[in-house]
Amino acid sequence: MKKIVPHIILIPLLLSIPIVSSPDFDGTLSVFRVSPFQREFTRFVLVIIFFYLNLNLFSF
């Protein structure tokens, strides 16, 4: 359980990076309506999923 807690904290922090650094961010969640942001955010989520899949598959 101790090993999963940092990851539970890290994933939202990593997902907040593209939100906060977006030029369309105005303090609300309206940034999710912008098509280029949706595309980049999806890519970011896929990279995190790929990272965690590799971490779990190759961490023998």
N, C-alpha and C. Protein backbone atom coordinates (compact mmCIF):
# COMPACT_ATOMS: atom_id res chain seq x y z
N MET A 1 0.81 -1.19 0.00
CA MET A 1 0.00 0.00 0.00
C MET A 1 0.86 1.26 0.00
N LYS A 2 2.01 1.19 0.66
CA LYS A 2 2.88 2.36 0.72
C LYS A 2 3.41 2.75 -0.65
N LYS A 3 3.58 1.78 -1.54
CA LYS A 3 4.13 2.07 -2.85
C LYS A 3 3.10 2.72 -3.78
N ILE A 4 1.84 2.52 -3.53
CA ILE A 4 0.81 3.04 -4.43
C ILE A 4 0.41 4.48 -4.08
N VAL A 5 0.58 4.89 -2.84
CA VAL A 5 0.17 6.23 -2.42
C VAL A 5 0.90 7.33 -3.19
N PRO A 6 2.22 7.26 -3.37
CA PRO A 6 2.87 8.31 -4.16
C PRO A 6 2.36 8.39 -5.60
N HIS A 7 1.99 7.26 -6.16
CA HIS A 7 1.49 7.25 -7.52
C HIS A 7 0.09 7.85 -7.61
N ILE A 8 -0.71 7.62 -6.58
CA ILE A 8 -2.05 8.22 -6.55
C ILE A 8 -1.94 9.74 -6.46
N ILE A 9 -0.93 10.23 -5.78
CA ILE A 9 -0.70 11.67 -5.69
C ILE A 9 -0.05 12.19 -6.96
N LEU A 10 0.86 11.43 -7.54
CA LEU A 10 1.63 11.89 -8.69
C LEU A 10 0.79 12.00 -9.96
N ILE A 11 -0.13 11.11 -10.19
CA ILE A 11 -0.93 11.12 -11.43
C ILE A 11 -1.73 12.41 -11.56
N PRO A 12 -2.49 12.84 -10.55
CA PRO A 12 -3.19 14.13 -10.72
C PRO A 12 -2.25 15.31 -10.86
N LEU A 13 -1.10 15.25 -10.19
CA LEU A 13 -0.14 16.34 -10.35
C LEU A 13 0.39 16.40 -11.78
N LEU A 14 0.69 15.24 -12.35
CA LEU A 14 1.15 15.21 -13.73
C LEU A 14 0.07 15.66 -14.70
N LEU A 15 -1.16 15.29 -14.43
CA LEU A 15 -2.26 15.70 -15.31
C LEU A 15 -2.62 17.17 -15.16
N SER A 16 -2.21 17.79 -14.07
CA SER A 16 -2.48 19.22 -13.91
C SER A 16 -1.49 20.09 -14.68
N ILE A 17 -0.35 19.54 -15.07
CA ILE A 17 0.66 20.33 -15.79
C ILE A 17 0.13 20.89 -17.11
N PRO A 18 -0.47 20.08 -17.98
CA PRO A 18 -0.96 20.67 -19.23
C PRO A 18 -2.14 21.62 -19.02
N ILE A 19 -2.90 21.43 -17.95
CA ILE A 19 -4.03 22.32 -17.68
C ILE A 19 -3.53 23.69 -17.27
N VAL A 20 -2.62 23.73 -16.32
CA VAL A 20 -2.12 24.99 -15.80
C VAL A 20 -1.25 25.72 -16.82
N SER A 21 -0.50 24.98 -17.62
CA SER A 21 0.40 25.61 -18.58
C SER A 21 -0.27 25.95 -19.91
N SER A 22 -1.55 25.65 -20.05
CA SER A 22 -2.26 25.96 -21.28
C SER A 22 -2.49 27.46 -21.41
N PRO A 23 -2.28 28.03 -22.61
CA PRO A 23 -2.54 29.46 -22.78
C PRO A 23 -4.03 29.79 -22.69
N ASP A 24 -4.90 28.79 -22.81
CA ASP A 24 -6.34 29.02 -22.73
C ASP A 24 -6.88 28.88 -21.31
N PHE A 25 -6.02 28.58 -20.35
CA PHE A 25 -6.46 28.36 -18.97
C PHE A 25 -6.81 29.70 -18.33
N ASP A 26 -8.03 29.81 -17.83
CA ASP A 26 -8.47 31.04 -17.19
C ASP A 26 -8.98 30.80 -15.77
N GLY A 27 -8.60 29.71 -15.18
CA GLY A 27 -9.00 29.39 -13.82
C GLY A 27 -10.24 28.52 -13.73
N THR A 28 -10.86 28.26 -14.87
CA THR A 28 -12.02 27.38 -14.88
C THR A 28 -11.70 26.15 -15.73
N LEU A 29 -12.64 25.26 -15.81
CA LEU A 29 -12.44 24.06 -16.61
C LEU A 29 -12.91 24.23 -18.05
N SER A 30 -13.11 25.46 -18.47
CA SER A 30 -13.54 25.71 -19.85
C SER A 30 -12.44 25.37 -20.85
N VAL A 31 -11.24 25.18 -20.36
CA VAL A 31 -10.13 24.82 -21.24
C VAL A 31 -10.37 23.47 -21.91
N PHE A 32 -11.20 22.62 -21.31
CA PHE A 32 -11.49 21.31 -21.89
C PHE A 32 -12.37 21.39 -23.12
N ARG A 33 -12.92 22.56 -23.40
CA ARG A 33 -13.74 22.74 -24.60
C ARG A 33 -12.90 23.11 -25.82
N VAL A 34 -11.63 23.43 -25.62
CA VAL A 34 -10.74 23.83 -26.71
C VAL A 34 -10.19 22.57 -27.37
N SER A 35 -10.42 22.47 -28.67
CA SER A 35 -10.05 21.25 -29.40
C SER A 35 -8.55 20.94 -29.36
N PRO A 36 -7.65 21.91 -29.60
CA PRO A 36 -6.22 21.58 -29.52
C PRO A 36 -5.80 21.13 -28.12
N PHE A 37 -6.41 21.71 -27.10
CA PHE A 37 -6.08 21.28 -25.75
C PHE A 37 -6.55 19.85 -25.51
N GLN A 38 -7.72 19.50 -25.99
CA GLN A 38 -8.23 18.14 -25.82
C GLN A 38 -7.28 17.14 -26.45
N ARG A 39 -6.77 17.48 -27.62
CA ARG A 39 -5.84 16.58 -28.32
C ARG A 39 -4.54 16.41 -27.53
N GLU A 40 -3.99 17.52 -27.04
CA GLU A 40 -2.74 17.44 -26.28
C GLU A 40 -2.95 16.75 -24.93
N PHE A 41 -4.08 17.01 -24.29
CA PHE A 41 -4.35 16.38 -23.01
C PHE A 41 -4.52 14.87 -23.18
N THR A 42 -5.16 14.46 -24.25
CA THR A 42 -5.31 13.03 -24.54
C THR A 42 -3.95 12.39 -24.75
N ARG A 43 -3.08 13.07 -25.46
CA ARG A 43 -1.72 12.55 -25.65
C ARG A 43 -1.00 12.42 -24.31
N PHE A 44 -1.16 13.40 -23.46
CA PHE A 44 -0.51 13.38 -22.15
C PHE A 44 -1.01 12.21 -21.31
N VAL A 45 -2.32 11.96 -21.34
CA VAL A 45 -2.90 10.83 -20.60
C VAL A 45 -2.37 9.52 -21.16
N LEU A 46 -2.26 9.41 -22.47
CA LEU A 46 -1.74 8.19 -23.08
C LEU A 46 -0.28 7.95 -22.71
N VAL A 47 0.51 9.00 -22.60
CA VAL A 47 1.91 8.85 -22.17
C VAL A 47 1.98 8.34 -20.74
N ILE A 48 1.13 8.86 -19.87
CA ILE A 48 1.12 8.40 -18.48
C ILE A 48 0.68 6.95 -18.41
N ILE A 49 -0.34 6.58 -19.17
CA ILE A 49 -0.79 5.18 -19.20
C ILE A 49 0.33 4.28 -19.71
N PHE A 50 1.00 4.69 -20.77
CA PHE A 50 2.11 3.92 -21.31
C PHE A 50 3.23 3.77 -20.28
N PHE A 51 3.54 4.84 -19.57
CA PHE A 51 4.57 4.79 -18.54
C PHE A 51 4.22 3.78 -17.45
N TYR A 52 2.99 3.85 -16.95
CA TYR A 52 2.61 2.95 -15.87
C TYR A 52 2.46 1.51 -16.33
N LEU A 53 2.05 1.30 -17.55
CA LEU A 53 2.02 -0.07 -18.07
C LEU A 53 3.44 -0.64 -18.15
N ASN A 54 4.36 0.16 -18.64
CA ASN A 54 5.75 -0.29 -18.71
C ASN A 54 6.34 -0.47 -17.32
N LEU A 55 6.01 0.40 -16.41
CA LEU A 55 6.51 0.28 -15.05
C LEU A 55 6.04 -1.03 -14.41
N ASN A 56 4.79 -1.37 -14.63
CA ASN A 56 4.26 -2.58 -14.03
C ASN A 56 4.67 -3.84 -14.78
N LEU A 57 4.85 -3.75 -16.07
CA LEU A 57 5.23 -4.94 -16.83
C LEU A 57 6.70 -5.28 -16.68
N PHE A 58 7.56 -4.28 -16.55
CA PHE A 58 9.00 -4.54 -16.51
C PHE A 58 9.62 -4.40 -15.13
N SER A 59 8.83 -4.30 -14.11
CA SER A 59 9.39 -4.11 -12.76
C SER A 59 9.47 -5.43 -12.00
N PHE A 60 10.04 -6.42 -12.62
CA PHE A 60 10.16 -7.73 -11.97
C PHE A 60 11.33 -7.74 -11.04
